[in-house]
């Protein structure tokens, strides 16, 4: 048994070489709609991987804005959206401000888990 990110395992699942027991996201994946969520069995469980692009803190706002505009345009491309969906991904095109808030929320969420489990660096 293992927990894996969907892009590296979805083709094996669809080919019948791996059996998916659940997804860890809050809702079922459109790529694997018959697979339940882990939250169906463990109340409140939700974990998802994500990928984003950051820039150094002092990057000029006009460069950040241009990068955001171009990246969001790419993510809006039908071929890219389709490929990401085939891999079980969900496009999350957003603004730099909203992405900063998303990261802060993730830090807060996982910080609570770390503190509750008394996890210490080794």
PDB file of N, CA and C in Angstrom:
ATOM      1  N   UNK A   1       0.846  -1.167   0.000  1.00  0.00           N
ATOM      2  CA  UNK A   1       0.000   0.000   0.000  1.00  0.00           C
ATOM      3  C   UNK A   1       0.890   1.227   0.000  1.00  0.00           C
ATOM      4  N   UNK A   2       0.421   2.271  -0.694  1.00  0.00           N
ATOM      5  CA  UNK A   2       1.172   3.520  -0.710  1.00  0.00           C
ATOM      6  C   UNK A   2       0.238   4.680  -0.980  1.00  0.00           C
ATOM      7  N   UNK A   3       0.687   5.848  -0.618  1.00  0.00           N
ATOM      8  CA  UNK A   3      -0.006   7.073  -0.996  1.00  0.00           C
ATOM      9  C   UNK A   3       0.880   7.741  -2.034  1.00  0.00           C
ATOM     10  N   UNK A   4       0.297   8.064  -3.166  1.00  0.00           N
ATOM     11  CA  UNK A   4       1.060   8.613  -4.280  1.00  0.00           C
ATOM     12  C   UNK A   4       0.306   9.789  -4.872  1.00  0.00           C
ATOM     13  N   UNK A   5       1.013  10.623  -5.595  1.00  0.00           N
ATOM     14  CA  UNK A   5       0.338  11.695  -6.331  1.00  0.00           C
ATOM     15  C   UNK A   5      -0.275  11.097  -7.586  1.00  0.00           C
ATOM     16  N   UNK A   6      -1.429  11.596  -7.959  1.00  0.00           N
ATOM     17  CA  UNK A   6      -2.172  10.985  -9.048  1.00  0.00           C
ATOM     18  C   UNK A   6      -1.430  10.970 -10.395  1.00  0.00           C
ATOM     19  N   UNK A   7      -0.720  12.034 -10.790  1.00  0.00           N
ATOM     20  CA  UNK A   7      -0.083  11.991 -12.117  1.00  0.00           C
ATOM     21  C   UNK A   7       0.876  10.814 -12.324  1.00  0.00           C
ATOM     22  N   UNK A   8       1.524  10.357 -11.264  1.00  0.00           N
ATOM     23  CA  UNK A   8       2.471   9.249 -11.446  1.00  0.00           C
ATOM     24  C   UNK A   8       1.816   7.876 -11.355  1.00  0.00           C
ATOM     25  N   UNK A   9       0.563   7.814 -10.908  1.00  0.00           N
ATOM     26  CA  UNK A   9      -0.079   6.503 -10.751  1.00  0.00           C
ATOM     27  C   UNK A   9      -1.350   6.315 -11.573  1.00  0.00           C
ATOM     28  N   UNK A  10      -1.921   7.369 -12.112  1.00  0.00           N
ATOM     29  CA  UNK A  10      -3.233   7.267 -12.751  1.00  0.00           C
ATOM     30  C   UNK A  10      -3.243   6.316 -13.944  1.00  0.00           C
ATOM     31  N   UNK A  11      -2.198   6.312 -14.737  1.00  0.00           N
ATOM     32  CA  UNK A  11      -2.175   5.404 -15.894  1.00  0.00           C
ATOM     33  C   UNK A  11      -2.158   3.945 -15.442  1.00  0.00           C
ATOM     34  N   UNK A  12      -1.459   3.656 -14.346  1.00  0.00           N
ATOM     35  CA  UNK A  12      -1.429   2.296 -13.803  1.00  0.00           C
ATOM     36  C   UNK A  12      -2.791   1.900 -13.230  1.00  0.00           C
ATOM     37  N   UNK A  13      -3.474   2.879 -12.621  1.00  0.00           N
ATOM     38  CA  UNK A  13      -4.816   2.622 -12.085  1.00  0.00           C
ATOM     39  C   UNK A  13      -5.775   2.325 -13.231  1.00  0.00           C
ATOM     40  N   UNK A  14      -5.739   3.167 -14.252  1.00  0.00           N
ATOM     41  CA  UNK A  14      -6.646   2.981 -15.392  1.00  0.00           C
ATOM     42  C   UNK A  14      -6.358   1.691 -16.146  1.00  0.00           C
ATOM     43  N   UNK A  15      -5.095   1.252 -16.137  1.00  0.00           N
ATOM     44  CA  UNK A  15      -4.723   0.009 -16.818  1.00  0.00           C
ATOM     45  C   UNK A  15      -5.007  -1.223 -15.958  1.00  0.00           C
ATOM     46  N   UNK A  16      -5.434  -1.022 -14.715  1.00  0.00           N
ATOM     47  CA  UNK A  16      -5.738  -2.145 -13.835  1.00  0.00           C
ATOM     48  C   UNK A  16      -4.514  -2.748 -13.166  1.00  0.00           C
ATOM     49  N   UNK A  17      -3.372  -2.066 -13.244  1.00  0.00           N
ATOM     50  CA  UNK A  17      -2.148  -2.570 -12.609  1.00  0.00           C
ATOM     51  C   UNK A  17      -2.050  -2.159 -11.143  1.00  0.00           C
ATOM     52  N   UNK A  18      -2.760  -1.108 -10.774  1.00  0.00           N
ATOM     53  CA  UNK A  18      -2.856  -0.657  -9.382  1.00  0.00           C
ATOM     54  C   UNK A  18      -4.329  -0.524  -9.027  1.00  0.00           C
ATOM     55  N   UNK A  19      -4.651  -0.789  -7.775  1.00  0.00           N
ATOM     56  CA  UNK A  19      -6.026  -0.613  -7.318  1.00  0.00           C
ATOM     57  C   UNK A  19      -6.058   0.580  -6.376  1.00  0.00           C
ATOM     58  N   UNK A  20      -6.782   1.598  -6.775  1.00  0.00           N
ATOM     59  CA  UNK A  20      -6.931   2.794  -5.941  1.00  0.00           C
ATOM     60  C   UNK A  20      -8.000   2.530  -4.883  1.00  0.00           C
ATOM     61  N   UNK A  21      -7.665   2.836  -3.650  1.00  0.00           N
ATOM     62  CA  UNK A  21      -8.622   2.666  -2.554  1.00  0.00           C
ATOM     63  C   UNK A  21      -9.373   3.957  -2.268  1.00  0.00           C
ATOM     64  N   UNK A  22      -8.687   5.087  -2.408  1.00  0.00           N
ATOM     65  CA  UNK A  22      -9.295   6.388  -2.131  1.00  0.00           C
ATOM     66  C   UNK A  22      -8.389   7.481  -2.667  1.00  0.00           C
ATOM     67  N   UNK A  23      -8.975   8.664  -2.833  1.00  0.00           N
ATOM     68  CA  UNK A  23      -8.192   9.863  -3.112  1.00  0.00           C
ATOM     69  C   UNK A  23      -8.162  10.688  -1.839  1.00  0.00           C
ATOM     70  N   UNK A  24      -7.135  11.503  -1.673  1.00  0.00           N
ATOM     71  CA  UNK A  24      -6.991  12.255  -0.425  1.00  0.00           C
ATOM     72  C   UNK A  24      -7.569  13.666  -0.499  1.00  0.00           C
ATOM     73  N   UNK A  25      -8.057  14.059  -1.661  1.00  0.00           N
ATOM     74  CA  UNK A  25      -8.652  15.380  -1.801  1.00  0.00           C
ATOM     75  C   UNK A  25     -10.021  15.423  -1.130  1.00  0.00           C
ATOM     76  N   UNK A  26     -10.536  16.628  -0.950  1.00  0.00           N
ATOM     77  CA  UNK A  26     -11.820  16.792  -0.260  1.00  0.00           C
ATOM     78  C   UNK A  26     -12.986  16.242  -1.074  1.00  0.00           C
ATOM     79  N   UNK A  27     -12.858  16.247  -2.395  1.00  0.00           N
ATOM     80  CA  UNK A  27     -13.919  15.738  -3.263  1.00  0.00           C
ATOM     81  C   UNK A  27     -13.343  14.680  -4.194  1.00  0.00           C
ATOM     82  N   UNK A  28     -14.213  13.876  -4.747  1.00  0.00           N
ATOM     83  CA  UNK A  28     -13.781  12.859  -5.707  1.00  0.00           C
ATOM     84  C   UNK A  28     -13.121  13.517  -6.910  1.00  0.00           C
ATOM     85  N   UNK A  29     -12.208  12.799  -7.503  1.00  0.00           N
ATOM     86  CA  UNK A  29     -11.515  13.304  -8.681  1.00  0.00           C
ATOM     87  C   UNK A  29     -12.333  13.029  -9.931  1.00  0.00           C
ATOM     88  N   UNK A  30     -12.530  14.029 -10.786  1.00  0.00           N
ATOM     89  CA  UNK A  30     -13.210  13.772 -12.058  1.00  0.00           C
ATOM     90  C   UNK A  30     -12.465  12.743 -12.917  1.00  0.00           C
ATOM     91  N   UNK A  31     -11.163  12.608 -12.712  1.00  0.00           N
ATOM     92  CA  UNK A  31     -10.386  11.633 -13.475  1.00  0.00           C
ATOM     93  C   UNK A  31     -10.633  10.204 -13.009  1.00  0.00           C
ATOM     94  N   UNK A  32     -11.034  10.044 -11.747  1.00  0.00           N
ATOM     95  CA  UNK A  32     -11.336   8.722 -11.167  1.00  0.00           C
ATOM     96  C   UNK A  32     -12.636   8.841 -10.357  1.00  0.00           C
ATOM     97  N   UNK A  33     -13.754   9.092 -11.023  1.00  0.00           N
ATOM     98  CA  UNK A  33     -14.986   9.411 -10.299  1.00  0.00           C
ATOM     99  C   UNK A  33     -15.551   8.288  -9.435  1.00  0.00           C
ATOM    100  N   UNK A  34     -15.162   7.050  -9.683  1.00  0.00           N
ATOM    101  CA  UNK A  34     -15.676   5.933  -8.889  1.00  0.00           C
ATOM    102  C   UNK A  34     -14.861   5.667  -7.624  1.00  0.00           C
ATOM    103  N   UNK A  35     -13.770   6.390  -7.447  1.00  0.00           N
ATOM    104  CA  UNK A  35     -12.900   6.188  -6.282  1.00  0.00           C
ATOM    105  C   UNK A  35     -13.348   7.141  -5.173  1.00  0.00           C
ATOM    106  N   UNK A  36     -13.655   6.619  -3.982  1.00  0.00           N
ATOM    107  CA  UNK A  36     -14.107   7.482  -2.883  1.00  0.00           C
ATOM    108  C   UNK A  36     -12.969   8.356  -2.346  1.00  0.00           C
ATOM    109  N   UNK A  37     -13.328   9.321  -1.521  1.00  0.00           N
ATOM    110  CA  UNK A  37     -12.313  10.127  -0.841  1.00  0.00           C
ATOM    111  C   UNK A  37     -11.951   9.453   0.476  1.00  0.00           C
ATOM    112  N   UNK A  38     -10.766   9.707   0.955  1.00  0.00           N
ATOM    113  CA  UNK A  38     -10.365   9.181   2.260  1.00  0.00           C
ATOM    114  C   UNK A  38     -11.239   9.800   3.353  1.00  0.00           C
ATOM    115  N   UNK A  39     -11.712  11.027   3.099  1.00  0.00           N
ATOM    116  CA  UNK A  39     -12.617  11.681   4.041  1.00  0.00           C
ATOM    117  C   UNK A  39     -13.934  10.946   4.220  1.00  0.00           C
ATOM    118  N   UNK A  40     -14.293  10.092   3.248  1.00  0.00           N
ATOM    119  CA  UNK A  40     -15.492   9.264   3.407  1.00  0.00           C
ATOM    120  C   UNK A  40     -15.322   8.262   4.541  1.00  0.00           C
ATOM    121  N   UNK A  41     -14.081   7.946   4.874  1.00  0.00           N
ATOM    122  CA  UNK A  41     -13.773   6.945   5.895  1.00  0.00           C
ATOM    123  C   UNK A  41     -13.181   7.569   7.158  1.00  0.00           C
ATOM    124  N   UNK A  42     -12.443   8.664   6.992  1.00  0.00           N
ATOM    125  CA  UNK A  42     -11.801   9.373   8.106  1.00  0.00           C
ATOM    126  C   UNK A  42     -12.331  10.806   8.062  1.00  0.00           C
ATOM    127  N   UNK A  43     -13.281  11.102   8.903  1.00  0.00           N
ATOM    128  CA  UNK A  43     -13.964  12.394   8.876  1.00  0.00           C
ATOM    129  C   UNK A  43     -12.967  13.557   8.918  1.00  0.00           C
ATOM    130  N   UNK A  44     -13.139  14.482   7.983  1.00  0.00           N
ATOM    131  CA  UNK A  44     -12.320  15.686   7.957  1.00  0.00           C
ATOM    132  C   UNK A  44     -10.989  15.559   7.252  1.00  0.00           C
ATOM    133  N   UNK A  45     -10.645  14.351   6.808  1.00  0.00           N
ATOM    134  CA  UNK A  45      -9.339  14.169   6.161  1.00  0.00           C
ATOM    135  C   UNK A  45      -9.340  14.834   4.794  1.00  0.00           C
ATOM    136  N   UNK A  46      -8.304  15.606   4.526  1.00  0.00           N
ATOM    137  CA  UNK A  46      -8.103  16.225   3.215  1.00  0.00           C
ATOM    138  C   UNK A  46      -6.637  16.577   3.089  1.00  0.00           C
ATOM    139  N   UNK A  47      -6.041  16.134   2.018  1.00  0.00           N
ATOM    140  CA  UNK A  47      -4.666  16.504   1.699  1.00  0.00           C
ATOM    141  C   UNK A  47      -4.534  16.469   0.192  1.00  0.00           C
ATOM    142  N   UNK A  48      -3.898  17.465  -0.345  1.00  0.00           N
ATOM    143  CA  UNK A  48      -3.709  17.466  -1.790  1.00  0.00           C
ATOM    144  C   UNK A  48      -2.365  18.084  -2.123  1.00  0.00           C
ATOM    145  N   UNK A  49      -1.774  17.574  -3.168  1.00  0.00           N
ATOM    146  CA  UNK A  49      -0.531  18.151  -3.654  1.00  0.00           C
ATOM    147  C   UNK A  49      -0.841  19.281  -4.612  1.00  0.00           C
ATOM    148  N   UNK A  50       0.061  20.218  -4.697  1.00  0.00           N
ATOM    149  CA  UNK A  50      -0.120  21.313  -5.635  1.00  0.00           C
ATOM    150  C   UNK A  50       1.250  21.783  -6.111  1.00  0.00           C
ATOM    151  N   UNK A  51       1.247  22.431  -7.219  1.00  0.00           N
ATOM    152  CA  UNK A  51       2.458  22.988  -7.787  1.00  0.00           C
ATOM    153  C   UNK A  51       2.197  24.443  -8.121  1.00  0.00           C
ATOM    154  N   UNK A  52       3.117  25.292  -7.796  1.00  0.00           N
ATOM    155  CA  UNK A  52       2.973  26.708  -8.095  1.00  0.00           C
ATOM    156  C   UNK A  52       4.314  27.294  -8.476  1.00  0.00           C
ATOM    157  N   UNK A  53       4.290  28.502  -8.927  1.00  0.00           N
ATOM    158  CA  UNK A  53       5.504  29.196  -9.326  1.00  0.00           C
ATOM    159  C   UNK A  53       5.662  30.423  -8.455  1.00  0.00           C
ATOM    160  N   UNK A  54       6.832  30.597  -7.894  1.00  0.00           N
ATOM    161  CA  UNK A  54       7.121  31.760  -7.066  1.00  0.00           C
ATOM    162  C   UNK A  54       8.271  32.546  -7.658  1.00  0.00           C
ATOM    163  N   UNK A  55       8.451  33.732  -7.149  1.00  0.00           N
ATOM    164  CA  UNK A  55       9.550  34.598  -7.570  1.00  0.00           C
ATOM    165  C   UNK A  55      10.198  35.169  -6.317  1.00  0.00           C
ATOM    166  N   UNK A  56      11.457  35.593  -6.415  1.00  0.00           N
ATOM    167  CA  UNK A  56      12.100  36.207  -5.244  1.00  0.00           C
ATOM    168  C   UNK A  56      11.297  37.399  -4.726  1.00  0.00           C
ATOM    169  N   UNK A  57      11.388  37.642  -3.434  1.00  0.00           N
ATOM    170  CA  UNK A  57      10.585  38.657  -2.763  1.00  0.00           C
ATOM    171  C   UNK A  57      10.670  40.042  -3.413  1.00  0.00           C
ATOM    172  N   UNK A  58      11.809  40.449  -3.856  1.00  0.00           N
ATOM    173  CA  UNK A  58      11.968  41.798  -4.400  1.00  0.00           C
ATOM    174  C   UNK A  58      11.793  41.883  -5.916  1.00  0.00           C
ATOM    175  N   UNK A  59      11.202  40.863  -6.513  1.00  0.00           N
ATOM    176  CA  UNK A  59      10.923  40.909  -7.947  1.00  0.00           C
ATOM    177  C   UNK A  59       9.936  42.045  -8.202  1.00  0.00           C
ATOM    178  N   UNK A  60      10.230  42.904  -9.178  1.00  0.00           N
ATOM    179  CA  UNK A  60       9.323  44.029  -9.450  1.00  0.00           C
ATOM    180  C   UNK A  60       7.899  43.560  -9.762  1.00  0.00           C
ATOM    181  N   UNK A  61       6.902  44.287  -9.254  1.00  0.00           N
ATOM    182  CA  UNK A  61       5.501  43.897  -9.453  1.00  0.00           C
ATOM    183  C   UNK A  61       5.106  43.735 -10.920  1.00  0.00           C
ATOM    184  N   UNK A  62       5.680  44.536 -11.806  1.00  0.00           N
ATOM    185  CA  UNK A  62       5.321  44.410 -13.219  1.00  0.00           C
ATOM    186  C   UNK A  62       5.803  43.081 -13.803  1.00  0.00           C
ATOM    187  N   UNK A  63       6.920  42.573 -13.309  1.00  0.00           N
ATOM    188  CA  UNK A  63       7.415  41.266 -13.774  1.00  0.00           C
ATOM    189  C   UNK A  63       6.533  40.153 -13.202  1.00  0.00           C
ATOM    190  N   UNK A  64       6.187  40.259 -11.922  1.00  0.00           N
ATOM    191  CA  UNK A  64       5.295  39.268 -11.308  1.00  0.00           C
ATOM    192  C   UNK A  64       3.959  39.263 -12.047  1.00  0.00           C
ATOM    193  N   UNK A  65       3.437  40.434 -12.336  1.00  0.00           N
ATOM    194  CA  UNK A  65       2.167  40.531 -13.055  1.00  0.00           C
ATOM    195  C   UNK A  65       2.234  39.909 -14.436  1.00  0.00           C
ATOM    196  N   UNK A  66       3.321  40.166 -15.140  1.00  0.00           N
ATOM    197  CA  UNK A  66       3.473  39.601 -16.491  1.00  0.00           C
ATOM    198  C   UNK A  66       3.603  38.083 -16.431  1.00  0.00           C
ATOM    199  N   UNK A  67       4.404  37.587 -15.493  1.00  0.00           N
ATOM    200  CA  UNK A  67       4.526  36.136 -15.323  1.00  0.00           C
ATOM    201  C   UNK A  67       3.161  35.521 -15.025  1.00  0.00           C
ATOM    202  N   UNK A  68       2.414  36.140 -14.113  1.00  0.00           N
ATOM    203  CA  UNK A  68       1.093  35.642 -13.751  1.00  0.00           C
ATOM    204  C   UNK A  68       0.173  35.629 -14.966  1.00  0.00           C
ATOM    205  N   UNK A  69       0.191  36.669 -15.729  1.00  0.00           N
ATOM    206  CA  UNK A  69      -0.656  36.767 -16.927  1.00  0.00           C
ATOM    207  C   UNK A  69      -0.324  35.656 -17.922  1.00  0.00           C
ATOM    208  N   UNK A  70       0.957  35.448 -18.187  1.00  0.00           N
ATOM    209  CA  UNK A  70       1.368  34.447 -19.171  1.00  0.00           C
ATOM    210  C   UNK A  70       1.108  33.023 -18.682  1.00  0.00           C
ATOM    211  N   UNK A  71       1.366  32.779 -17.396  1.00  0.00           N
ATOM    212  CA  UNK A  71       1.127  31.447 -16.839  1.00  0.00           C
ATOM    213  C   UNK A  71      -0.368  31.128 -16.856  1.00  0.00           C
ATOM    214  N   UNK A  72      -1.190  32.079 -16.443  1.00  0.00           N
ATOM    215  CA  UNK A  72      -2.639  31.858 -16.464  1.00  0.00           C
ATOM    216  C   UNK A  72      -3.155  31.657 -17.877  1.00  0.00           C
ATOM    217  N   UNK A  73      -2.558  32.363 -18.854  1.00  0.00           N
ATOM    218  CA  UNK A  73      -2.951  32.163 -20.256  1.00  0.00           C
ATOM    219  C   UNK A  73      -2.619  30.737 -20.690  1.00  0.00           C
ATOM    220  N   UNK A  74      -1.443  30.259 -20.305  1.00  0.00           N
ATOM    221  CA  UNK A  74      -1.068  28.879 -20.632  1.00  0.00           C
ATOM    222  C   UNK A  74      -2.003  27.876 -19.983  1.00  0.00           C
ATOM    223  N   UNK A  75      -2.352  28.122 -18.724  1.00  0.00           N
ATOM    224  CA  UNK A  75      -3.254  27.208 -18.020  1.00  0.00           C
ATOM    225  C   UNK A  75      -4.671  27.233 -18.583  1.00  0.00           C
ATOM    226  N   UNK A  76      -5.022  28.300 -19.290  1.00  0.00           N
ATOM    227  CA  UNK A  76      -6.341  28.393 -19.919  1.00  0.00           C
ATOM    228  C   UNK A  76      -6.386  27.666 -21.261  1.00  0.00           C
ATOM    229  N   UNK A  77      -5.227  27.302 -21.793  1.00  0.00           N
ATOM    230  CA  UNK A  77      -5.164  26.597 -23.072  1.00  0.00           C
ATOM    231  C   UNK A  77      -5.861  25.243 -22.943  1.00  0.00           C
ATOM    232  N   UNK A  78      -6.736  24.939 -23.891  1.00  0.00           N
ATOM    233  CA  UNK A  78      -7.539  23.711 -23.839  1.00  0.00           C
ATOM    234  C   UNK A  78      -6.656  22.467 -23.797  1.00  0.00           C
ATOM    235  N   UNK A  79      -5.592  22.426 -24.582  1.00  0.00           N
ATOM    236  CA  UNK A  79      -4.717  21.245 -24.590  1.00  0.00           C
ATOM    237  C   UNK A  79      -4.065  21.034 -23.230  1.00  0.00           C
ATOM    238  N   UNK A  80      -3.615  22.112 -22.616  1.00  0.00           N
ATOM    239  CA  UNK A  80      -2.962  22.000 -21.308  1.00  0.00           C
ATOM    240  C   UNK A  80      -3.980  21.600 -20.242  1.00  0.00           C
ATOM    241  N   UNK A  81      -5.148  22.247 -20.252  1.00  0.00           N
ATOM    242  CA  UNK A  81      -6.193  21.896 -19.278  1.00  0.00           C
ATOM    243  C   UNK A  81      -6.608  20.437 -19.409  1.00  0.00           C
ATOM    244  N   UNK A  82      -6.748  19.984 -20.645  1.00  0.00           N
ATOM    245  CA  UNK A  82      -7.154  18.597 -20.888  1.00  0.00           C
ATOM    246  C   UNK A  82      -6.098  17.625 -20.391  1.00  0.00           C
ATOM    247  N   UNK A  83      -4.842  17.918 -20.695  1.00  0.00           N
ATOM    248  CA  UNK A  83      -3.755  17.025 -20.260  1.00  0.00           C
ATOM    249  C   UNK A  83      -3.668  16.962 -18.740  1.00  0.00           C
ATOM    250  N   UNK A  84      -3.760  18.120 -18.095  1.00  0.00           N
ATOM    251  CA  UNK A  84      -3.723  18.134 -16.634  1.00  0.00           C
ATOM    252  C   UNK A  84      -4.904  17.368 -16.043  1.00  0.00           C
ATOM    253  N   UNK A  85      -6.081  17.526 -16.639  1.00  0.00           N
ATOM    254  CA  UNK A  85      -7.265  16.794 -16.161  1.00  0.00           C
ATOM    255  C   UNK A  85      -7.086  15.291 -16.351  1.00  0.00           C
ATOM    256  N   UNK A  86      -6.491  14.884 -17.480  1.00  0.00           N
ATOM    257  CA  UNK A  86      -6.236  13.457 -17.722  1.00  0.00           C
ATOM    258  C   UNK A  86      -5.307  12.869 -16.661  1.00  0.00           C
ATOM    259  N   UNK A  87      -4.419  13.703 -16.129  1.00  0.00           N
ATOM    260  CA  UNK A  87      -3.491  13.261 -15.088  1.00  0.00           C
ATOM    261  C   UNK A  87      -4.071  13.404 -13.683  1.00  0.00           C
ATOM    262  N   UNK A  88      -5.326  13.854 -13.612  1.00  0.00           N
ATOM    263  CA  UNK A  88      -5.970  14.005 -12.308  1.00  0.00           C
ATOM    264  C   UNK A  88      -5.745  15.362 -11.686  1.00  0.00           C
ATOM    265  N   UNK A  89      -5.211  16.292 -12.449  1.00  0.00           N
ATOM    266  CA  UNK A  89      -4.929  17.622 -11.917  1.00  0.00           C
ATOM    267  C   UNK A  89      -6.097  18.576 -12.091  1.00  0.00           C
ATOM    268  N   UNK A  90      -6.093  19.591 -11.275  1.00  0.00           N
ATOM    269  CA  UNK A  90      -7.085  20.652 -11.353  1.00  0.00           C
ATOM    270  C   UNK A  90      -6.349  21.967 -11.536  1.00  0.00           C
ATOM    271  N   UNK A  91      -6.727  22.737 -12.528  1.00  0.00           N
ATOM    272  CA  UNK A  91      -6.073  24.019 -12.775  1.00  0.00           C
ATOM    273  C   UNK A  91      -6.545  25.033 -11.743  1.00  0.00           C
ATOM    274  N   UNK A  92      -5.596  25.696 -11.157  1.00  0.00           N
ATOM    275  CA  UNK A  92      -5.845  26.700 -10.128  1.00  0.00           C
ATOM    276  C   UNK A  92      -5.153  27.982 -10.569  1.00  0.00           C
ATOM    277  N   UNK A  93      -5.680  28.620 -11.598  1.00  0.00           N
ATOM    278  CA  UNK A  93      -5.132  29.881 -12.104  1.00  0.00           C
ATOM    279  C   UNK A  93      -5.640  30.999 -11.211  1.00  0.00           C
ATOM    280  N   UNK A  94      -4.734  31.789 -10.670  1.00  0.00           N
ATOM    281  CA  UNK A  94      -5.124  32.784  -9.685  1.00  0.00           C
ATOM    282  C   UNK A  94      -4.208  33.998  -9.765  1.00  0.00           C
ATOM    283  N   UNK A  95      -4.427  34.929  -8.892  1.00  0.00           N
ATOM    284  CA  UNK A  95      -3.591  36.124  -8.820  1.00  0.00           C
ATOM    285  C   UNK A  95      -2.452  35.887  -7.827  1.00  0.00           C
ATOM    286  N   UNK A  96      -1.384  36.691  -7.913  1.00  0.00           N
ATOM    287  CA  UNK A  96      -0.309  36.557  -6.920  1.00  0.00           C
ATOM    288  C   UNK A  96      -0.821  36.746  -5.487  1.00  0.00           C
ATOM    289  N   UNK A  97      -1.735  37.672  -5.280  1.00  0.00           N
ATOM    290  CA  UNK A  97      -2.287  37.908  -3.938  1.00  0.00           C
ATOM    291  C   UNK A  97      -3.043  36.686  -3.429  1.00  0.00           C
ATOM    292  N   UNK A  98      -3.886  36.101  -4.282  1.00  0.00           N
ATOM    293  CA  UNK A  98      -4.642  34.911  -3.878  1.00  0.00           C
ATOM    294  C   UNK A  98      -3.724  33.710  -3.662  1.00  0.00           C
ATOM    295  N   UNK A  99      -2.670  33.597  -4.476  1.00  0.00           N
ATOM    296  CA  UNK A  99      -1.732  32.488  -4.301  1.00  0.00           C
ATOM    297  C   UNK A  99      -0.970  32.638  -2.979  1.00  0.00           C
ATOM    298  N   UNK A 100      -0.584  33.879  -2.647  1.00  0.00           N
ATOM    299  CA  UNK A 100       0.089  34.135  -1.369  1.00  0.00           C
ATOM    300  C   UNK A 100      -0.819  33.708  -0.209  1.00  0.00           C
ATOM    301  N   UNK A 101      -2.119  34.036  -0.302  1.00  0.00           N
ATOM    302  CA  UNK A 101      -3.074  33.648   0.747  1.00  0.00           C
ATOM    303  C   UNK A 101      -3.218  32.127   0.812  1.00  0.00           C
ATOM    304  N   UNK A 102      -3.273  31.485  -0.356  1.00  0.00           N
ATOM    305  CA  UNK A 102      -3.366  30.026  -0.399  1.00  0.00           C
ATOM    306  C   UNK A 102      -2.177  29.390   0.326  1.00  0.00           C
ATOM    307  N   UNK A 103      -0.981  29.888   0.051  1.00  0.00           N
ATOM    308  CA  UNK A 103       0.215  29.348   0.705  1.00  0.00           C
ATOM    309  C   UNK A 103       0.152  29.574   2.215  1.00  0.00           C
ATOM    310  N   UNK A 104      -0.257  30.775   2.633  1.00  0.00           N
ATOM    311  CA  UNK A 104      -0.378  31.063   4.069  1.00  0.00           C
ATOM    312  C   UNK A 104      -1.385  30.118   4.726  1.00  0.00           C
ATOM    313  N   UNK A 105      -2.501  29.860   4.047  1.00  0.00           N
ATOM    314  CA  UNK A 105      -3.504  28.933   4.587  1.00  0.00           C
ATOM    315  C   UNK A 105      -2.957  27.515   4.697  1.00  0.00           C
ATOM    316  N   UNK A 106      -2.177  27.086   3.706  1.00  0.00           N
ATOM    317  CA  UNK A 106      -1.565  25.757   3.754  1.00  0.00           C
ATOM    318  C   UNK A 106      -0.575  25.653   4.916  1.00  0.00           C
ATOM    319  N   UNK A 107       0.214  26.702   5.126  1.00  0.00           N
ATOM    320  CA  UNK A 107       1.178  26.714   6.235  1.00  0.00           C
ATOM    321  C   UNK A 107       0.439  26.615   7.568  1.00  0.00           C
ATOM    322  N   UNK A 108      -0.657  27.366   7.688  1.00  0.00           N
ATOM    323  CA  UNK A 108      -1.437  27.314   8.924  1.00  0.00           C
ATOM    324  C   UNK A 108      -2.037  25.920   9.134  1.00  0.00           C
ATOM    325  N   UNK A 109      -2.643  25.361   8.083  1.00  0.00           N
ATOM    326  CA  UNK A 109      -3.275  24.041   8.184  1.00  0.00           C
ATOM    327  C   UNK A 109      -2.262  22.975   8.595  1.00  0.00           C
ATOM    328  N   UNK A 110      -1.153  22.895   7.897  1.00  0.00           N
ATOM    329  CA  UNK A 110      -0.179  21.849   8.183  1.00  0.00           C
ATOM    330  C   UNK A 110       0.609  22.138   9.452  1.00  0.00           C
ATOM    331  N   UNK A 111       0.723  23.417   9.824  1.00  0.00           N
ATOM    332  CA  UNK A 111       1.344  23.754  11.106  1.00  0.00           C
ATOM    333  C   UNK A 111       0.553  23.175  12.262  1.00  0.00           C
ATOM    334  N   UNK A 112      -0.779  23.231  12.159  1.00  0.00           N
ATOM    335  CA  UNK A 112      -1.636  22.643  13.196  1.00  0.00           C
ATOM    336  C   UNK A 112      -1.418  21.135  13.289  1.00  0.00           C
ATOM    337  N   UNK A 113      -1.291  20.479  12.154  1.00  0.00           N
ATOM    338  CA  UNK A 113      -1.054  19.033  12.138  1.00  0.00           C
ATOM    339  C   UNK A 113       0.287  18.721  12.792  1.00  0.00           C
ATOM    340  N   UNK A 114       1.308  19.477  12.448  1.00  0.00           N
ATOM    341  CA  UNK A 114       2.649  19.269  13.000  1.00  0.00           C
ATOM    342  C   UNK A 114       2.638  19.458  14.519  1.00  0.00           C
ATOM    343  N   UNK A 115       1.982  20.527  14.969  1.00  0.00           N
ATOM    344  CA  UNK A 115       1.926  20.772  16.420  1.00  0.00           C
ATOM    345  C   UNK A 115       1.105  19.697  17.130  1.00  0.00           C
ATOM    346  N   UNK A 116      -0.026  19.295  16.555  1.00  0.00           N
ATOM    347  CA  UNK A 116      -0.883  18.275  17.196  1.00  0.00           C
ATOM    348  C   UNK A 116      -0.169  16.926  17.295  1.00  0.00           C
ATOM    349  N   UNK A 117       0.646  16.618  16.294  1.00  0.00           N
ATOM    350  CA  UNK A 117       1.373  15.345  16.294  1.00  0.00           C
ATOM    351  C   UNK A 117       2.727  15.466  16.997  1.00  0.00           C
ATOM    352  N   UNK A 118       3.027  16.660  17.481  1.00  0.00           N
ATOM    353  CA  UNK A 118       4.297  16.916  18.161  1.00  0.00           C
ATOM    354  C   UNK A 118       5.499  16.510  17.320  1.00  0.00           C
ATOM    355  N   UNK A 119       5.438  16.847  16.029  1.00  0.00           N
ATOM    356  CA  UNK A 119       6.523  16.513  15.096  1.00  0.00           C
ATOM    357  C   UNK A 119       7.671  17.481  15.312  1.00  0.00           C
ATOM    358  N   UNK A 120       8.865  16.934  15.428  1.00  0.00           N
ATOM    359  CA  UNK A 120      10.079  17.733  15.647  1.00  0.00           C
ATOM    360  C   UNK A 120      11.071  17.430  14.533  1.00  0.00           C
ATOM    361  N   UNK A 121      11.844  18.428  14.120  1.00  0.00           N
ATOM    362  CA  UNK A 121      12.886  18.159  13.119  1.00  0.00           C
ATOM    363  C   UNK A 121      13.953  17.251  13.688  1.00  0.00           C
ATOM    364  N   UNK A 122      14.499  16.422  12.854  1.00  0.00           N
ATOM    365  CA  UNK A 122      15.551  15.499  13.324  1.00  0.00           C
ATOM    366  C   UNK A 122      16.870  15.853  12.679  1.00  0.00           C
TER     367      UNK A 122
END
